[in-house]
Amino acid sequence: MGFLTWIVIAVVVLAAIGLGVGTFLGGVWSGAEKVSENPAVEDATEEAREFFSNATKNSNDLVDEALRK
């Protein structure tokens, strides 16, 4: 791993120790909730869900067609 990665890991570990694990994880959880409530993230999530739904449907159709031959 790169040097920057080790610095980030050290900062996260020190923050968790300094705040306490429960407080640290609570902050991460509330931040994740705020991000997930963002309309741009909701739109991107829905687009990704539709894309993968269509991709899996198309791949299933291709597999079915290949097996029929």
PDB file of N, CA and C in Angstrom:
ATOM      1  N   MET A   1       0.845  -1.183   0.000  1.00  0.00           N
ATOM      2  CA  MET A   1       0.000   0.000   0.000  1.00  0.00           C
ATOM      3  C   MET A   1       0.880   1.232   0.000  1.00  0.00           C
ATOM      4  N   GLY A   2       0.308   2.282  -0.518  1.00  0.00           N
ATOM      5  CA  GLY A   2       1.055   3.520  -0.612  1.00  0.00           C
ATOM      6  C   GLY A   2       1.169   4.238   0.719  1.00  0.00           C
ATOM      7  N   PHE A   3       2.048   5.183   0.739  1.00  0.00           N
ATOM      8  CA  PHE A   3       2.304   5.959   1.947  1.00  0.00           C
ATOM      9  C   PHE A   3       1.059   6.726   2.383  1.00  0.00           C
ATOM     10  N   LEU A   4       0.343   7.305   1.420  1.00  0.00           N
ATOM     11  CA  LEU A   4      -0.867   8.070   1.740  1.00  0.00           C
ATOM     12  C   LEU A   4      -1.930   7.175   2.372  1.00  0.00           C
ATOM     13  N   THR A   5      -2.031   5.949   1.910  1.00  0.00           N
ATOM     14  CA  THR A   5      -2.993   5.003   2.473  1.00  0.00           C
ATOM     15  C   THR A   5      -2.700   4.755   3.947  1.00  0.00           C
ATOM     16  N   TRP A   6      -1.425   4.573   4.279  1.00  0.00           N
ATOM     17  CA  TRP A   6      -1.052   4.338   5.671  1.00  0.00           C
ATOM     18  C   TRP A   6      -1.349   5.546   6.547  1.00  0.00           C
ATOM     19  N   ILE A   7      -1.167   6.737   5.992  1.00  0.00           N
ATOM     20  CA  ILE A   7      -1.488   7.951   6.748  1.00  0.00           C
ATOM     21  C   ILE A   7      -2.985   8.018   7.027  1.00  0.00           C
ATOM     22  N   VAL A   8      -3.809   7.721   6.021  1.00  0.00           N
ATOM     23  CA  VAL A   8      -5.265   7.747   6.200  1.00  0.00           C
ATOM     24  C   VAL A   8      -5.691   6.708   7.232  1.00  0.00           C
ATOM     25  N   ILE A   9      -5.125   5.522   7.173  1.00  0.00           N
ATOM     26  CA  ILE A   9      -5.466   4.475   8.147  1.00  0.00           C
ATOM     27  C   ILE A   9      -5.097   4.928   9.551  1.00  0.00           C
ATOM     28  N   ALA A  10      -3.926   5.526   9.700  1.00  0.00           N
ATOM     29  CA  ALA A  10      -3.489   6.005  11.019  1.00  0.00           C
ATOM     30  C   ALA A  10      -4.424   7.084  11.543  1.00  0.00           C
ATOM     31  N   VAL A  11      -4.837   8.001  10.694  1.00  0.00           N
ATOM     32  CA  VAL A  11      -5.745   9.075  11.114  1.00  0.00           C
ATOM     33  C   VAL A  11      -7.086   8.495  11.556  1.00  0.00           C
ATOM     34  N   VAL A  12      -7.609   7.548  10.814  1.00  0.00           N
ATOM     35  CA  VAL A  12      -8.895   6.938  11.168  1.00  0.00           C
ATOM     36  C   VAL A  12      -8.784   6.186  12.493  1.00  0.00           C
ATOM     37  N   VAL A  13      -7.711   5.446  12.684  1.00  0.00           N
ATOM     38  CA  VAL A  13      -7.532   4.707  13.933  1.00  0.00           C
ATOM     39  C   VAL A  13      -7.406   5.673  15.111  1.00  0.00           C
ATOM     40  N   LEU A  14      -6.615   6.719  14.949  1.00  0.00           N
ATOM     41  CA  LEU A  14      -6.459   7.697  16.025  1.00  0.00           C
ATOM     42  C   LEU A  14      -7.768   8.425  16.325  1.00  0.00           C
ATOM     43  N   ALA A  15      -8.549   8.717  15.288  1.00  0.00           N
ATOM     44  CA  ALA A  15      -9.846   9.362  15.512  1.00  0.00           C
ATOM     45  C   ALA A  15     -10.783   8.431  16.269  1.00  0.00           C
ATOM     46  N   ALA A  16     -10.784   7.158  15.918  1.00  0.00           N
ATOM     47  CA  ALA A  16     -11.642   6.187  16.612  1.00  0.00           C
ATOM     48  C   ALA A  16     -11.221   6.045  18.067  1.00  0.00           C
ATOM     49  N   ILE A  17      -9.919   6.039  18.326  1.00  0.00           N
ATOM     50  CA  ILE A  17      -9.435   5.933  19.706  1.00  0.00           C
ATOM     51  C   ILE A  17      -9.771   7.199  20.484  1.00  0.00           C
ATOM     52  N   GLY A  18      -9.546   8.358  19.860  1.00  0.00           N
ATOM     53  CA  GLY A  18      -9.767   9.628  20.546  1.00  0.00           C
ATOM     54  C   GLY A  18     -11.227   9.899  20.849  1.00  0.00           C
ATOM     55  N   LEU A  19     -12.101   9.593  19.926  1.00  0.00           N
ATOM     56  CA  LEU A  19     -13.534   9.848  20.119  1.00  0.00           C
ATOM     57  C   LEU A  19     -14.216   8.721  20.879  1.00  0.00           C
ATOM     58  N   GLY A  20     -13.659   7.573  20.811  1.00  0.00           N
ATOM     59  CA  GLY A  20     -14.329   6.379  21.312  1.00  0.00           C
ATOM     60  C   GLY A  20     -14.977   5.706  20.121  1.00  0.00           C
ATOM     61  N   VAL A  21     -14.945   4.412  20.098  1.00  0.00           N
ATOM     62  CA  VAL A  21     -15.430   3.675  18.941  1.00  0.00           C
ATOM     63  C   VAL A  21     -16.912   3.926  18.701  1.00  0.00           C
ATOM     64  N   GLY A  22     -17.706   3.951  19.766  1.00  0.00           N
ATOM     65  CA  GLY A  22     -19.151   4.166  19.610  1.00  0.00           C
ATOM     66  C   GLY A  22     -19.464   5.522  19.013  1.00  0.00           C
ATOM     67  N   THR A  23     -18.814   6.555  19.496  1.00  0.00           N
ATOM     68  CA  THR A  23     -19.035   7.900  18.967  1.00  0.00           C
ATOM     69  C   THR A  23     -18.549   8.001  17.531  1.00  0.00           C
ATOM     70  N   PHE A  24     -17.394   7.420  17.270  1.00  0.00           N
ATOM     71  CA  PHE A  24     -16.844   7.454  15.919  1.00  0.00           C
ATOM     72  C   PHE A  24     -17.780   6.775  14.928  1.00  0.00           C
ATOM     73  N   LEU A  25     -18.227   5.560  15.256  1.00  0.00           N
ATOM     74  CA  LEU A  25     -19.120   4.834  14.351  1.00  0.00           C
ATOM     75  C   LEU A  25     -20.478   5.522  14.232  1.00  0.00           C
ATOM     76  N   GLY A  26     -20.938   6.140  15.322  1.00  0.00           N
ATOM     77  CA  GLY A  26     -22.190   6.901  15.248  1.00  0.00           C
ATOM     78  C   GLY A  26     -22.077   8.081  14.295  1.00  0.00           C
ATOM     79  N   GLY A  27     -20.943   8.743  14.325  1.00  0.00           N
ATOM     80  CA  GLY A  27     -20.716   9.848  13.397  1.00  0.00           C
ATOM     81  C   GLY A  27     -20.640   9.393  11.961  1.00  0.00           C
ATOM     82  N   VAL A  28     -19.971   8.271  11.746  1.00  0.00           N
ATOM     83  CA  VAL A  28     -19.898   7.719  10.391  1.00  0.00           C
ATOM     84  C   VAL A  28     -21.285   7.336   9.910  1.00  0.00           C
ATOM     85  N   TRP A  29     -22.080   6.727  10.803  1.00  0.00           N
ATOM     86  CA  TRP A  29     -23.439   6.307  10.439  1.00  0.00           C
ATOM     87  C   TRP A  29     -24.314   7.512  10.086  1.00  0.00           C
ATOM     88  N   SER A  30     -24.275   8.562  10.904  1.00  0.00           N
ATOM     89  CA  SER A  30     -25.109   9.732  10.615  1.00  0.00           C
ATOM     90  C   SER A  30     -24.647  10.427   9.337  1.00  0.00           C
ATOM     91  N   GLY A  31     -23.348  10.436   9.084  1.00  0.00           N
ATOM     92  CA  GLY A  31     -22.852  11.005   7.828  1.00  0.00           C
ATOM     93  C   GLY A  31     -23.318  10.203   6.627  1.00  0.00           C
ATOM     94  N   ALA A  32     -23.314   8.885   6.753  1.00  0.00           N
ATOM     95  CA  ALA A  32     -23.787   8.037   5.655  1.00  0.00           C
ATOM     96  C   ALA A  32     -25.274   8.255   5.397  1.00  0.00           C
ATOM     97  N   GLU A  33     -26.053   8.447   6.469  1.00  0.00           N
ATOM     98  CA  GLU A  33     -27.482   8.718   6.291  1.00  0.00           C
ATOM     99  C   GLU A  33     -27.700  10.032   5.550  1.00  0.00           C
ATOM    100  N   LYS A  34     -26.926  11.068   5.895  1.00  0.00           N
ATOM    101  CA  LYS A  34     -27.051  12.360   5.215  1.00  0.00           C
ATOM    102  C   LYS A  34     -26.703  12.231   3.738  1.00  0.00           C
ATOM    103  N   VAL A  35     -25.670  11.472   3.436  1.00  0.00           N
ATOM    104  CA  VAL A  35     -25.275  11.293   2.041  1.00  0.00           C
ATOM    105  C   VAL A  35     -26.357  10.523   1.288  1.00  0.00           C
ATOM    106  N   SER A  36     -26.918   9.495   1.914  1.00  0.00           N
ATOM    107  CA  SER A  36     -27.929   8.686   1.220  1.00  0.00           C
ATOM    108  C   SER A  36     -29.226   9.449   0.978  1.00  0.00           C
ATOM    109  N   GLU A  37     -29.481  10.498   1.760  1.00  0.00           N
ATOM    110  CA  GLU A  37     -30.690  11.299   1.572  1.00  0.00           C
ATOM    111  C   GLU A  37     -30.518  12.377   0.508  1.00  0.00           C
ATOM    112  N   ASN A  38     -29.323  12.524  -0.027  1.00  0.00           N
ATOM    113  CA  ASN A  38     -29.044  13.515  -1.059  1.00  0.00           C
ATOM    114  C   ASN A  38     -29.759  13.103  -2.346  1.00  0.00           C
ATOM    115  N   PRO A  39     -30.514  14.022  -2.974  1.00  0.00           N
ATOM    116  CA  PRO A  39     -31.248  13.674  -4.200  1.00  0.00           C
ATOM    117  C   PRO A  39     -30.339  13.169  -5.323  1.00  0.00           C
ATOM    118  N   ALA A  40     -29.143  13.710  -5.434  1.00  0.00           N
ATOM    119  CA  ALA A  40     -28.230  13.253  -6.487  1.00  0.00           C
ATOM    120  C   ALA A  40     -27.829  11.799  -6.257  1.00  0.00           C
ATOM    121  N   VAL A  41     -27.597  11.432  -5.010  1.00  0.00           N
ATOM    122  CA  VAL A  41     -27.226  10.050  -4.694  1.00  0.00           C
ATOM    123  C   VAL A  41     -28.414   9.133  -4.924  1.00  0.00           C
ATOM    124  N   GLU A  42     -29.609   9.582  -4.560  1.00  0.00           N
ATOM    125  CA  GLU A  42     -30.812   8.768  -4.793  1.00  0.00           C
ATOM    126  C   GLU A  42     -31.025   8.536  -6.283  1.00  0.00           C
ATOM    127  N   ASP A  43     -30.826   9.583  -7.104  1.00  0.00           N
ATOM    128  CA  ASP A  43     -30.980   9.427  -8.549  1.00  0.00           C
ATOM    129  C   ASP A  43     -29.940   8.463  -9.113  1.00  0.00           C
ATOM    130  N   ALA A  44     -28.702   8.604  -8.675  1.00  0.00           N
ATOM    131  CA  ALA A  44     -27.643   7.721  -9.156  1.00  0.00           C
ATOM    132  C   ALA A  44     -27.916   6.274  -8.742  1.00  0.00           C
ATOM    133  N   THR A  45     -28.424   6.091  -7.529  1.00  0.00           N
ATOM    134  CA  THR A  45     -28.740   4.747  -7.048  1.00  0.00           C
ATOM    135  C   THR A  45     -29.842   4.123  -7.903  1.00  0.00           C
ATOM    136  N   GLU A  46     -30.857   4.904  -8.214  1.00  0.00           N
ATOM    137  CA  GLU A  46     -31.959   4.391  -9.032  1.00  0.00           C
ATOM    138  C   GLU A  46     -31.485   4.067 -10.443  1.00  0.00           C
ATOM    139  N   GLU A  47     -30.656   4.931 -11.026  1.00  0.00           N
ATOM    140  CA  GLU A  47     -30.124   4.662 -12.365  1.00  0.00           C
ATOM    141  C   GLU A  47     -29.272   3.400 -12.373  1.00  0.00           C
ATOM    142  N   ALA A  48     -28.448   3.222 -11.345  1.00  0.00           N
ATOM    143  CA  ALA A  48     -27.617   2.018 -11.262  1.00  0.00           C
ATOM    144  C   ALA A  48     -28.488   0.784 -11.103  1.00  0.00           C
ATOM    145  N   ARG A  49     -29.536   0.889 -10.289  1.00  0.00           N
ATOM    146  CA  ARG A  49     -30.443  -0.239 -10.090  1.00  0.00           C
ATOM    147  C   ARG A  49     -31.112  -0.630 -11.411  1.00  0.00           C
ATOM    148  N   GLU A  50     -31.565   0.354 -12.183  1.00  0.00           N
ATOM    149  CA  GLU A  50     -32.195   0.073 -13.476  1.00  0.00           C
ATOM    150  C   GLU A  50     -31.189  -0.522 -14.459  1.00  0.00           C
ATOM    151  N   PHE A  51     -29.980   0.043 -14.477  1.00  0.00           N
ATOM    152  CA  PHE A  51     -28.956  -0.442 -15.395  1.00  0.00           C
ATOM    153  C   PHE A  51     -28.644  -1.911 -15.136  1.00  0.00           C
ATOM    154  N   PHE A  52     -28.398  -2.257 -13.862  1.00  0.00           N
ATOM    155  CA  PHE A  52     -28.043  -3.643 -13.552  1.00  0.00           C
ATOM    156  C   PHE A  52     -29.229  -4.574 -13.708  1.00  0.00           C
ATOM    157  N   SER A  53     -30.428  -4.075 -13.481  1.00  0.00           N
ATOM    158  CA  SER A  53     -31.607  -4.900 -13.701  1.00  0.00           C
ATOM    159  C   SER A  53     -31.733  -5.243 -15.185  1.00  0.00           C
ATOM    160  N   ASN A  54     -31.543  -4.224 -16.030  1.00  0.00           N
ATOM    161  CA  ASN A  54     -31.604  -4.462 -17.480  1.00  0.00           C
ATOM    162  C   ASN A  54     -30.446  -5.343 -17.937  1.00  0.00           C
ATOM    163  N   ALA A  55     -29.270  -5.132 -17.373  1.00  0.00           N
ATOM    164  CA  ALA A  55     -28.099  -5.927 -17.773  1.00  0.00           C
ATOM    165  C   ALA A  55     -28.299  -7.394 -17.427  1.00  0.00           C
ATOM    166  N   THR A  56     -28.831  -7.661 -16.247  1.00  0.00           N
ATOM    167  CA  THR A  56     -29.032  -9.060 -15.872  1.00  0.00           C
ATOM    168  C   THR A  56     -30.159  -9.683 -16.686  1.00  0.00           C
ATOM    169  N   LYS A  57     -31.188  -8.888 -16.992  1.00  0.00           N
ATOM    170  CA  LYS A  57     -32.282  -9.412 -17.826  1.00  0.00           C
ATOM    171  C   LYS A  57     -31.761  -9.746 -19.211  1.00  0.00           C
ATOM    172  N   ASN A  58     -30.951  -8.839 -19.790  1.00  0.00           N
ATOM    173  CA  ASN A  58     -30.390  -9.084 -21.117  1.00  0.00           C
ATOM    174  C   ASN A  58     -29.453 -10.285 -21.107  1.00  0.00           C
ATOM    175  N   SER A  59     -28.661 -10.434 -20.064  1.00  0.00           N
ATOM    176  CA  SER A  59     -27.740 -11.575 -20.013  1.00  0.00           C
ATOM    177  C   SER A  59     -28.526 -12.870 -19.858  1.00  0.00           C
ATOM    178  N   ASN A  60     -29.602 -12.856 -19.090  1.00  0.00           N
ATOM    179  CA  ASN A  60     -30.441 -14.053 -18.955  1.00  0.00           C
ATOM    180  C   ASN A  60     -31.060 -14.423 -20.293  1.00  0.00           C
ATOM    181  N   ASP A  61     -31.509 -13.401 -21.047  1.00  0.00           N
ATOM    182  CA  ASP A  61     -32.074 -13.658 -22.368  1.00  0.00           C
ATOM    183  C   ASP A  61     -31.020 -14.260 -23.302  1.00  0.00           C
ATOM    184  N   LEU A  62     -29.788 -13.751 -23.244  1.00  0.00           N
ATOM    185  CA  LEU A  62     -28.718 -14.269 -24.078  1.00  0.00           C
ATOM    186  C   LEU A  62     -28.388 -15.709 -23.715  1.00  0.00           C
ATOM    187  N   VAL A  63     -28.365 -16.013 -22.443  1.00  0.00           N
ATOM    188  CA  VAL A  63     -28.067 -17.378 -21.997  1.00  0.00           C
ATOM    189  C   VAL A  63     -29.183 -18.315 -22.446  1.00  0.00           C
ATOM    190  N   ASP A  64     -30.422 -17.899 -22.267  1.00  0.00           N
ATOM    191  CA  ASP A  64     -31.555 -18.726 -22.692  1.00  0.00           C
ATOM    192  C   ASP A  64     -31.490 -18.990 -24.192  1.00  0.00           C
ATOM    193  N   GLU A  65     -31.180 -17.942 -24.964  1.00  0.00           N
ATOM    194  CA  GLU A  65     -31.108 -18.089 -26.410  1.00  0.00           C
ATOM    195  C   GLU A  65     -29.954 -19.023 -26.807  1.00  0.00           C
ATOM    196  N   ALA A  66     -28.822 -18.902 -26.140  1.00  0.00           N
ATOM    197  CA  ALA A  66     -27.686 -19.755 -26.437  1.00  0.00           C
ATOM    198  C   ALA A  66     -27.990 -21.216 -26.096  1.00  0.00           C
ATOM    199  N   LEU A  67     -28.729 -21.431 -25.019  1.00  0.00           N
ATOM    200  CA  LEU A  67     -29.043 -22.815 -24.633  1.00  0.00           C
ATOM    201  C   LEU A  67     -30.051 -23.455 -25.578  1.00  0.00           C
ATOM    202  N   ARG A  68     -30.877 -22.647 -26.206  1.00  0.00           N
ATOM    203  CA  ARG A  68     -31.871 -23.192 -27.145  1.00  0.00           C
ATOM    204  C   ARG A  68     -31.216 -23.685 -28.428  1.00  0.00           C
ATOM    205  N   LYS A  69     -30.042 -23.148 -28.758  1.00  0.00           N
ATOM    206  CA  LYS A  69     -29.391 -23.514 -30.040  1.00  0.00           C
ATOM    207  C   LYS A  69     -28.705 -24.840 -29.946  1.00  0.00           C
TER     208      LYS A  69
END
